[in-house]
Protein backbone atom coordinates (compact mmCIF):
# COMPACT_ATOMS: atom_id res chain seq x y z
CA MET A 1 26.81 -75.04 -45.21
CA THR A 2 24.06 -76.59 -44.88
CA THR A 3 22.52 -79.08 -42.45
CA THR A 4 23.33 -81.91 -45.19
CA GLU A 5 26.87 -80.84 -45.95
CA VAL A 6 27.60 -80.82 -41.91
CA LYS A 7 25.99 -84.02 -41.52
CA ALA A 8 27.53 -85.59 -44.69
CA ASP A 9 30.86 -84.89 -43.75
CA ALA A 10 30.47 -85.86 -40.47
CA ALA A 11 29.21 -89.29 -41.31
CA VAL A 12 32.61 -89.59 -43.63
CA ALA A 13 34.52 -88.35 -40.81
CA GLU A 14 33.15 -90.91 -38.05
CA SER A 15 33.22 -94.23 -40.29
CA GLY A 16 36.78 -94.19 -39.15
CA LYS A 17 37.42 -96.60 -41.94
CA PRO A 18 40.78 -96.37 -44.09
CA ALA A 19 40.33 -94.72 -47.00
CA LYS A 20 41.13 -97.09 -49.84
CA SER A 21 42.79 -96.07 -53.30
CA LYS A 22 40.21 -95.72 -55.64
CA ASN A 23 40.20 -93.40 -58.85
CA ALA A 24 38.28 -90.63 -59.42
CA ARG A 25 34.78 -91.55 -60.82
CA GLU A 26 34.35 -94.36 -58.35
CA SER A 27 35.38 -92.08 -55.57
CA GLY A 28 32.79 -89.28 -57.01
CA THR A 29 30.08 -92.24 -57.22
CA ASP A 30 30.18 -92.86 -53.53
CA LEU A 31 29.96 -89.45 -52.54
CA ILE A 32 27.00 -88.97 -54.86
CA ASP A 33 25.59 -92.08 -53.10
CA GLN A 34 26.12 -90.63 -49.86
CA LEU A 35 24.50 -87.35 -50.61
CA VAL A 36 21.74 -88.60 -51.91
CA VAL A 37 21.08 -91.37 -48.92
CA GLN A 38 21.73 -88.27 -46.35
CA ALA A 39 19.05 -85.99 -48.45
CA ARG A 40 16.06 -89.33 -48.62
CA ALA A 41 16.67 -89.00 -44.49
CA GLU A 42 16.65 -85.64 -43.86
CA GLY A 43 13.22 -85.47 -46.91
CA LEU A 44 15.22 -83.18 -49.02
CA GLU A 45 14.25 -83.16 -52.56
CA LEU A 46 16.32 -83.73 -55.43
CA THR A 47 15.05 -81.26 -57.72
CA GLY A 48 13.07 -77.68 -57.05
CA GLU A 49 13.82 -74.93 -54.57
CA GLY A 50 16.68 -75.68 -52.18
CA GLY A 51 16.46 -79.30 -53.74
CA LEU A 52 20.23 -80.91 -53.52
CA LEU A 53 20.41 -80.35 -57.26
CA GLN A 54 20.50 -76.56 -56.86
CA GLN A 55 22.54 -77.13 -53.53
CA LEU A 56 25.26 -78.45 -55.85
CA THR A 57 25.18 -76.21 -58.68
CA LYS A 58 25.18 -73.54 -56.36
CA ARG A 59 28.75 -74.62 -54.58
CA VAL A 60 29.99 -75.77 -57.59
CA LEU A 61 29.69 -72.40 -59.27
CA GLU A 62 30.95 -70.43 -56.39
CA SER A 63 34.03 -72.71 -56.24
CA ALA A 64 34.89 -72.37 -60.13
CA LEU A 65 34.49 -68.79 -59.66
CA GLU A 66 36.63 -68.64 -56.61
CA GLY A 67 39.43 -70.43 -58.56
CA GLU A 68 38.59 -67.95 -61.33
CA ILE A 69 39.60 -64.79 -59.26
CA THR A 70 42.62 -66.73 -57.72
CA ASP A 71 43.95 -66.86 -60.82
CA HIS A 72 43.00 -63.47 -61.96
CA LEU A 73 44.79 -62.50 -58.51
CA GLY A 74 47.79 -64.35 -58.59
CA TYR A 75 47.65 -65.76 -55.22
CA ASP A 76 45.35 -67.92 -52.86
CA LYS A 77 42.50 -66.91 -50.22
CA HIS A 78 44.65 -65.10 -46.95
CA ASP A 79 47.70 -65.17 -49.24
CA PRO A 80 50.27 -62.97 -47.38
CA THR A 81 51.78 -62.68 -50.88
CA GLY A 82 48.87 -60.47 -51.82
CA LYS A 83 49.42 -57.85 -49.31
CA ASP A 84 50.31 -54.31 -50.77
CA SER A 85 49.71 -56.70 -54.29
CA GLY A 86 47.67 -53.43 -55.81
CA ASN A 87 44.93 -55.50 -56.34
CA SER A 88 42.88 -57.99 -53.92
CA ARG A 89 39.53 -59.88 -53.40
CA ASN A 90 36.96 -57.15 -52.21
CA GLY A 91 33.58 -59.43 -50.89
CA HIS A 92 31.07 -61.07 -52.94
CA ARG A 93 28.25 -59.94 -54.95
CA SER A 94 24.91 -61.83 -55.11
CA LYS A 95 23.40 -63.06 -58.23
CA THR A 96 20.78 -65.07 -59.28
CA VAL A 97 21.19 -67.02 -62.41
CA THR A 98 18.71 -69.28 -64.32
CA THR A 99 20.18 -73.42 -64.72
CA ASP A 100 18.87 -76.24 -65.85
CA VAL A 101 17.94 -77.28 -62.36
CA GLY A 102 16.55 -73.60 -61.60
CA PRO A 103 17.12 -70.54 -60.28
CA VAL A 104 19.97 -70.68 -58.07
CA GLU A 105 21.79 -67.46 -56.23
CA ILE A 106 25.24 -67.47 -56.33
CA ALA A 107 28.18 -65.25 -54.40
CA VAL A 108 30.37 -63.71 -57.44
CA PRO A 109 33.99 -62.57 -56.16
CA ARG A 110 35.02 -59.11 -56.46
CA ASP A 111 38.49 -57.43 -57.07
CA ARG A 112 39.47 -53.91 -55.98
CA VAL A 113 40.43 -52.62 -59.07
CA GLY A 114 37.33 -53.92 -60.73
CA SER A 115 39.21 -55.96 -63.48
CA PHE A 116 38.13 -59.20 -63.02
CA GLU A 117 35.96 -60.51 -65.66
CA PRO A 118 34.55 -64.01 -64.56
CA GLN A 119 34.39 -66.72 -67.63
CA LEU A 120 32.48 -69.33 -66.38
CA VAL A 121 29.70 -66.83 -65.28
CA LYS A 122 29.76 -63.48 -67.29
CA LYS A 123 28.99 -60.13 -66.59
CA ARG A 124 25.56 -59.72 -67.03
CA GLN A 125 24.74 -63.37 -68.17
CA ARG A 126 21.80 -64.41 -66.40
CA ARG A 127 21.24 -68.11 -68.01
CA LEU A 128 23.38 -70.99 -67.43
CA THR A 129 21.81 -73.91 -69.60
CA GLY A 130 24.85 -76.51 -70.69
CA SER A 131 27.04 -74.73 -68.63
CA MET A 132 28.35 -77.98 -66.89
CA ARG A 133 29.75 -79.48 -69.91
CA TRP A 134 31.63 -76.10 -70.93
CA CYS A 135 33.27 -76.27 -67.71
CA CYS A 136 34.33 -79.90 -68.01
CA ARG A 137 35.56 -78.99 -71.71
CA CYS A 138 37.62 -76.35 -70.21
CA ARG A 139 39.45 -78.00 -67.45
CA ARG A 140 40.34 -81.14 -70.10
CA ARG A 141 42.14 -78.17 -72.09
CA ALA A 142 44.57 -76.95 -69.07
């Protein structure tokens, strides 16, 4: 977790304001506004190497890949259901993909049997232009 993420989490926790009921779009807009303000305060660039967009892209991709392996294995991380199930998580491998915001290094989860085939970032795939639109379409179908 980066300094920006920790401070953003702390700022939300310190606010002490009760959560207002908002729709997802309003909540997302508020979160984005908080992240941009925090990034500016720390002098973090929006784009470029190590910029806010690159960090967000990394987090979104890694979260989606964790969801894919959870679906593949049939149980959550650290869930006792997976013990002696015949297949389990087996760490991650590092992979650099080229995105619309530049190169992003991600951690792709592995399984012991080697049967996990990620769909968002396929094996041997190095370029992800337009992948976020694809991801959103898939979520609508589900």
